[in-house]
Amino acid sequence: MTVLERLKLELANKEYFSDAEYTTFLQENNLNANDTYNKSTMQRDLLYTVVDILEAVANDVDLMRKVETEFATTSEAIKYLNDRIERIKNRIATIPGSDEEYSNVALLFYKN
């Protein structure tokens, strides 16, 4: 599965943007849309991309209308998106970053 396909899966195959725009979001988070997805090395950046996309949707009234079809009102859609963004950020917080692992070890040996 490519990174772009995995991104779309994470977005429940909602077509908020074109593939070219999704590719730009991925590139901004250091991912290549055509690479084979590797969860152990790419999950954190992919989730950051999902957050960026959902925030862009939440900030665009026209895109919000696409989401609104699932909800009674725009405010319900915004609440849902904000809740989902928060849940994804919580997921990201549980994924150790490569630099975080080393910085925690360094702090163990730091003397003031």
N, C-alpha and C. Protein backbone atom coordinates (compact mmCIF):
# COMPACT_ATOMS: atom_id res chain seq x y z
N MET A 1 0.85 -1.17 0.00
CA MET A 1 0.00 0.00 0.00
C MET A 1 0.90 1.24 0.00
N THR A 2 0.58 2.21 -0.84
CA THR A 2 1.36 3.44 -0.88
C THR A 2 0.98 4.35 0.28
N VAL A 3 1.81 5.34 0.51
CA VAL A 3 1.54 6.32 1.56
C VAL A 3 0.25 7.07 1.24
N LEU A 4 0.04 7.43 -0.01
CA LEU A 4 -1.18 8.13 -0.40
C LEU A 4 -2.41 7.27 -0.14
N GLU A 5 -2.34 6.00 -0.48
CA GLU A 5 -3.47 5.10 -0.23
C GLU A 5 -3.75 4.97 1.26
N ARG A 6 -2.69 4.90 2.06
CA ARG A 6 -2.87 4.79 3.52
C ARG A 6 -3.45 6.07 4.09
N LEU A 7 -3.06 7.22 3.55
CA LEU A 7 -3.63 8.50 3.97
C LEU A 7 -5.13 8.52 3.69
N LYS A 8 -5.51 8.10 2.51
CA LYS A 8 -6.93 8.08 2.16
C LYS A 8 -7.70 7.12 3.06
N LEU A 9 -7.10 6.00 3.40
CA LEU A 9 -7.72 5.06 4.32
C LEU A 9 -7.95 5.70 5.68
N GLU A 10 -6.96 6.42 6.16
CA GLU A 10 -7.08 7.11 7.45
C GLU A 10 -8.17 8.18 7.41
N LEU A 11 -8.40 8.74 6.24
CA LEU A 11 -9.44 9.76 6.06
C LEU A 11 -10.78 9.14 5.66
N ALA A 12 -10.91 7.84 5.78
CA ALA A 12 -12.13 7.10 5.44
C ALA A 12 -12.54 7.34 3.98
N ASN A 13 -11.52 7.50 3.12
CA ASN A 13 -11.73 7.71 1.69
C ASN A 13 -12.60 8.90 1.35
N LYS A 14 -12.61 9.90 2.23
CA LYS A 14 -13.31 11.16 1.94
C LYS A 14 -12.44 11.96 0.99
N GLU A 15 -13.04 12.46 -0.05
CA GLU A 15 -12.30 13.23 -1.05
C GLU A 15 -12.39 14.73 -0.74
N TYR A 16 -11.71 15.14 0.34
CA TYR A 16 -11.69 16.55 0.69
C TYR A 16 -10.85 17.34 -0.31
N PHE A 17 -9.77 16.73 -0.79
CA PHE A 17 -8.84 17.38 -1.69
C PHE A 17 -8.48 16.43 -2.83
N SER A 18 -7.80 16.96 -3.83
CA SER A 18 -7.33 16.13 -4.94
C SER A 18 -6.08 15.36 -4.52
N ASP A 19 -5.70 14.36 -5.30
CA ASP A 19 -4.49 13.60 -5.01
C ASP A 19 -3.26 14.51 -5.01
N ALA A 20 -3.23 15.48 -5.90
CA ALA A 20 -2.10 16.41 -5.95
C ALA A 20 -2.01 17.22 -4.65
N GLU A 21 -3.16 17.64 -4.14
CA GLU A 21 -3.15 18.39 -2.88
C GLU A 21 -2.77 17.49 -1.70
N TYR A 22 -3.28 16.25 -1.70
CA TYR A 22 -2.87 15.30 -0.66
C TYR A 22 -1.36 15.08 -0.71
N THR A 23 -0.81 14.98 -1.92
CA THR A 23 0.62 14.79 -2.09
C THR A 23 1.40 15.95 -1.48
N THR A 24 0.90 17.17 -1.66
CA THR A 24 1.55 18.34 -1.07
C THR A 24 1.52 18.27 0.45
N PHE A 25 0.37 17.92 1.02
CA PHE A 25 0.28 17.75 2.47
C PHE A 25 1.31 16.71 2.95
N LEU A 26 1.42 15.60 2.23
CA LEU A 26 2.37 14.56 2.61
C LEU A 26 3.81 15.07 2.54
N GLN A 27 4.14 15.78 1.48
CA GLN A 27 5.49 16.31 1.32
C GLN A 27 5.83 17.28 2.45
N GLU A 28 4.86 18.07 2.89
CA GLU A 28 5.09 19.00 3.99
C GLU A 28 5.40 18.27 5.30
N ASN A 29 5.05 17.00 5.36
CA ASN A 29 5.32 16.19 6.55
C ASN A 29 6.37 15.11 6.26
N ASN A 30 7.24 15.40 5.28
CA ASN A 30 8.39 14.54 4.95
C ASN A 30 8.02 13.15 4.46
N LEU A 31 6.91 13.03 3.75
CA LEU A 31 6.48 11.75 3.20
C LEU A 31 6.34 11.86 1.69
N ASN A 32 6.61 10.75 1.00
CA ASN A 32 6.44 10.68 -0.45
C ASN A 32 5.19 9.84 -0.73
N ALA A 33 4.27 10.39 -1.47
CA ALA A 33 2.98 9.74 -1.73
C ALA A 33 3.13 8.37 -2.39
N ASN A 34 4.16 8.16 -3.18
CA ASN A 34 4.31 6.91 -3.92
C ASN A 34 5.15 5.85 -3.21
N ASP A 35 5.74 6.20 -2.06
CA ASP A 35 6.50 5.21 -1.31
C ASP A 35 5.56 4.17 -0.71
N THR A 36 6.11 3.00 -0.43
CA THR A 36 5.34 1.96 0.26
C THR A 36 5.23 2.36 1.73
N TYR A 37 4.02 2.32 2.26
CA TYR A 37 3.78 2.74 3.65
C TYR A 37 4.42 1.76 4.63
N ASN A 38 5.15 2.32 5.59
CA ASN A 38 5.78 1.54 6.65
C ASN A 38 5.33 2.14 7.98
N LYS A 39 4.48 1.45 8.69
CA LYS A 39 3.89 1.98 9.92
C LYS A 39 4.94 2.36 10.95
N SER A 40 5.95 1.54 11.11
CA SER A 40 6.92 1.79 12.16
C SER A 40 7.72 3.08 11.95
N THR A 41 7.89 3.50 10.72
CA THR A 41 8.68 4.71 10.46
C THR A 41 7.87 5.89 9.95
N MET A 42 6.63 5.66 9.52
CA MET A 42 5.86 6.72 8.88
C MET A 42 4.57 7.11 9.59
N GLN A 43 4.15 6.34 10.58
CA GLN A 43 2.84 6.57 11.19
C GLN A 43 2.71 7.96 11.78
N ARG A 44 3.70 8.41 12.50
CA ARG A 44 3.65 9.72 13.15
C ARG A 44 3.47 10.83 12.10
N ASP A 45 4.28 10.82 11.05
CA ASP A 45 4.19 11.84 10.02
C ASP A 45 2.86 11.75 9.26
N LEU A 46 2.38 10.54 9.06
CA LEU A 46 1.08 10.37 8.39
C LEU A 46 -0.04 10.98 9.24
N LEU A 47 0.00 10.75 10.54
CA LEU A 47 -1.03 11.32 11.41
C LEU A 47 -0.94 12.84 11.48
N TYR A 48 0.29 13.38 11.44
CA TYR A 48 0.43 14.84 11.35
C TYR A 48 -0.22 15.36 10.07
N THR A 49 -0.07 14.61 8.99
CA THR A 49 -0.69 14.99 7.71
C THR A 49 -2.20 14.97 7.83
N VAL A 50 -2.75 13.96 8.49
CA VAL A 50 -4.20 13.88 8.69
C VAL A 50 -4.69 15.08 9.48
N VAL A 51 -3.97 15.45 10.53
CA VAL A 51 -4.35 16.63 11.33
C VAL A 51 -4.34 17.87 10.45
N ASP A 52 -3.29 18.05 9.65
CA ASP A 52 -3.22 19.21 8.76
C ASP A 52 -4.41 19.27 7.82
N ILE A 53 -4.78 18.13 7.27
CA ILE A 53 -5.90 18.08 6.33
C ILE A 53 -7.21 18.40 7.04
N LEU A 54 -7.44 17.80 8.19
CA LEU A 54 -8.69 18.05 8.92
C LEU A 54 -8.78 19.49 9.40
N GLU A 55 -7.65 20.08 9.77
CA GLU A 55 -7.66 21.50 10.15
C GLU A 55 -7.97 22.37 8.94
N ALA A 56 -7.45 22.01 7.78
CA ALA A 56 -7.76 22.77 6.56
C ALA A 56 -9.24 22.66 6.23
N VAL A 57 -9.81 21.48 6.40
CA VAL A 57 -11.24 21.30 6.15
C VAL A 57 -12.05 22.13 7.14
N ALA A 58 -11.67 22.10 8.40
CA ALA A 58 -12.42 22.84 9.43
C ALA A 58 -12.35 24.34 9.21
N ASN A 59 -11.33 24.81 8.52
CA ASN A 59 -11.17 26.25 8.28
C ASN A 59 -11.74 26.72 6.95
N ASP A 60 -12.36 25.83 6.19
CA ASP A 60 -12.90 26.18 4.87
C ASP A 60 -14.39 25.86 4.83
N VAL A 61 -15.21 26.88 4.73
CA VAL A 61 -16.67 26.70 4.78
C VAL A 61 -17.16 25.83 3.63
N ASP A 62 -16.61 25.99 2.44
CA ASP A 62 -17.05 25.19 1.30
C ASP A 62 -16.73 23.71 1.52
N LEU A 63 -15.53 23.43 2.01
CA LEU A 63 -15.20 22.05 2.31
C LEU A 63 -16.06 21.53 3.46
N MET A 64 -16.36 22.40 4.40
CA MET A 64 -17.19 22.00 5.54
C MET A 64 -18.57 21.54 5.07
N ARG A 65 -19.06 22.12 4.02
CA ARG A 65 -20.38 21.71 3.50
C ARG A 65 -20.35 20.26 3.01
N LYS A 66 -19.19 19.81 2.52
CA LYS A 66 -19.06 18.41 2.12
C LYS A 66 -19.19 17.51 3.34
N VAL A 67 -18.60 17.93 4.44
CA VAL A 67 -18.65 17.16 5.67
C VAL A 67 -20.05 17.25 6.28
N GLU A 68 -20.68 18.39 6.11
CA GLU A 68 -21.98 18.64 6.73
C GLU A 68 -23.04 17.65 6.27
N THR A 69 -22.87 17.04 5.11
CA THR A 69 -23.87 16.09 4.63
C THR A 69 -24.06 14.94 5.61
N GLU A 70 -23.04 14.66 6.42
CA GLU A 70 -23.14 13.59 7.41
C GLU A 70 -23.76 14.08 8.72
N PHE A 71 -23.88 15.38 8.88
CA PHE A 71 -24.33 15.98 10.13
C PHE A 71 -25.50 16.91 9.86
N ALA A 72 -26.26 17.20 10.89
CA ALA A 72 -27.43 18.08 10.74
C ALA A 72 -27.02 19.52 10.49
N THR A 73 -25.92 19.96 11.13
CA THR A 73 -25.51 21.36 10.99
C THR A 73 -24.00 21.45 10.80
N THR A 74 -23.57 22.62 10.35
CA THR A 74 -22.14 22.87 10.21
C THR A 74 -21.45 22.83 11.56
N SER A 75 -22.11 23.35 12.59
CA SER A 75 -21.49 23.35 13.92
C SER A 75 -21.26 21.93 14.43
N GLU A 76 -22.16 21.01 14.13
CA GLU A 76 -21.94 19.60 14.50
C GLU A 76 -20.73 19.04 13.76
N ALA A 77 -20.61 19.39 12.49
CA ALA A 77 -19.47 18.91 11.70
C ALA A 77 -18.16 19.47 12.26
N ILE A 78 -18.15 20.73 12.62
CA ILE A 78 -16.96 21.35 13.19
C ILE A 78 -16.60 20.68 14.51
N LYS A 79 -17.59 20.43 15.35
CA LYS A 79 -17.34 19.76 16.63
C LYS A 79 -16.75 18.37 16.40
N TYR A 80 -17.32 17.64 15.44
CA TYR A 80 -16.81 16.31 15.13
C TYR A 80 -15.35 16.38 14.66
N LEU A 81 -15.05 17.31 13.76
CA LEU A 81 -13.68 17.44 13.25
C LEU A 81 -12.71 17.81 14.36
N ASN A 82 -13.11 18.76 15.20
CA ASN A 82 -12.24 19.16 16.30
C ASN A 82 -12.00 18.01 17.27
N ASP A 83 -13.03 17.23 17.55
CA ASP A 83 -12.87 16.05 18.42
C ASP A 83 -11.93 15.04 17.77
N ARG A 84 -12.10 14.84 16.47
CA ARG A 84 -11.24 13.87 15.76
C ARG A 84 -9.79 14.35 15.73
N ILE A 85 -9.59 15.63 15.51
CA ILE A 85 -8.23 16.20 15.53
C ILE A 85 -7.60 15.96 16.89
N GLU A 86 -8.36 16.20 17.95
CA GLU A 86 -7.83 16.00 19.30
C GLU A 86 -7.48 14.53 19.56
N ARG A 87 -8.33 13.62 19.09
CA ARG A 87 -8.04 12.19 19.26
C ARG A 87 -6.77 11.78 18.51
N ILE A 88 -6.60 12.33 17.31
CA ILE A 88 -5.41 12.01 16.53
C ILE A 88 -4.17 12.57 17.20
N LYS A 89 -4.25 13.78 17.73
CA LYS A 89 -3.11 14.37 18.44
C LYS A 89 -2.76 13.52 19.66
N ASN A 90 -3.76 12.99 20.33
CA ASN A 90 -3.50 12.10 21.46
C ASN A 90 -2.80 10.82 21.00
N ARG A 91 -3.20 10.29 19.85
CA ARG A 91 -2.52 9.12 19.28
C ARG A 91 -1.07 9.43 18.96
N ILE A 92 -0.84 10.59 18.38
CA ILE A 92 0.52 11.00 18.02
C ILE A 92 1.38 11.06 19.28
N ALA A 93 0.82 11.57 20.35
CA ALA A 93 1.58 11.71 21.60
C ALA A 93 2.03 10.36 22.16
N THR A 94 1.34 9.29 21.79
CA THR A 94 1.72 7.97 22.30
C THR A 94 2.77 7.27 21.44
N ILE A 95 3.07 7.85 20.28
CA ILE A 95 4.05 7.25 19.36
C ILE A 95 5.41 7.90 19.64
N PRO A 96 6.37 7.12 20.09
CA PRO A 96 7.68 7.72 20.36
C PRO A 96 8.36 8.18 19.07
N GLY A 97 8.90 9.38 19.10
CA GLY A 97 9.65 9.89 17.97
C GLY A 97 11.09 9.43 18.10
N SER A 98 11.80 9.34 16.99
CA SER A 98 13.17 8.83 17.03
C SER A 98 14.08 9.72 17.87
N ASP A 99 13.88 11.04 17.82
CA ASP A 99 14.73 11.94 18.60
C ASP A 99 14.32 11.98 20.07
N GLU A 100 13.06 11.71 20.37
CA GLU A 100 12.59 11.72 21.76
C GLU A 100 13.24 10.61 22.57
N GLU A 101 13.42 9.45 21.96
CA GLU A 101 14.01 8.32 22.67
C GLU A 101 15.40 8.66 23.18
N TYR A 102 16.18 9.34 22.38
CA TYR A 102 17.53 9.68 22.76
C TYR A 102 17.57 10.84 23.74
N SER A 103 16.68 11.81 23.61
CA SER A 103 16.70 12.96 24.50
C SER A 103 16.32 12.55 25.92
N ASN A 104 15.45 11.57 26.08
CA ASN A 104 15.09 11.10 27.42
C ASN A 104 16.27 10.42 28.09
N VAL A 105 17.06 9.67 27.35
CA VAL A 105 18.25 9.03 27.91
C VAL A 105 19.26 10.08 28.31
N ALA A 106 19.45 11.08 27.50
CA ALA A 106 20.42 12.13 27.81
C ALA A 106 20.04 12.86 29.10
N LEU A 107 18.77 13.06 29.34
CA LEU A 107 18.34 13.75 30.54
C LEU A 107 18.65 12.96 31.80
N LEU A 108 18.73 11.65 31.71
CA LEU A 108 19.06 10.84 32.86
C LEU A 108 20.46 11.14 33.40
N PHE A 109 21.36 11.57 32.54
CA PHE A 109 22.73 11.77 32.92
C PHE A 109 23.11 13.24 33.00
N TYR A 110 22.13 14.10 32.96
CA TYR A 110 22.38 15.53 33.03
C TYR A 110 22.53 15.95 34.48
N LYS A 111 23.59 16.66 34.79
CA LYS A 111 23.80 17.13 36.16
C LYS A 111 23.78 18.64 36.15
N ASN A 112 23.06 19.21 37.04
CA ASN A 112 22.90 20.66 37.12
C ASN A 112 23.93 21.30 37.97
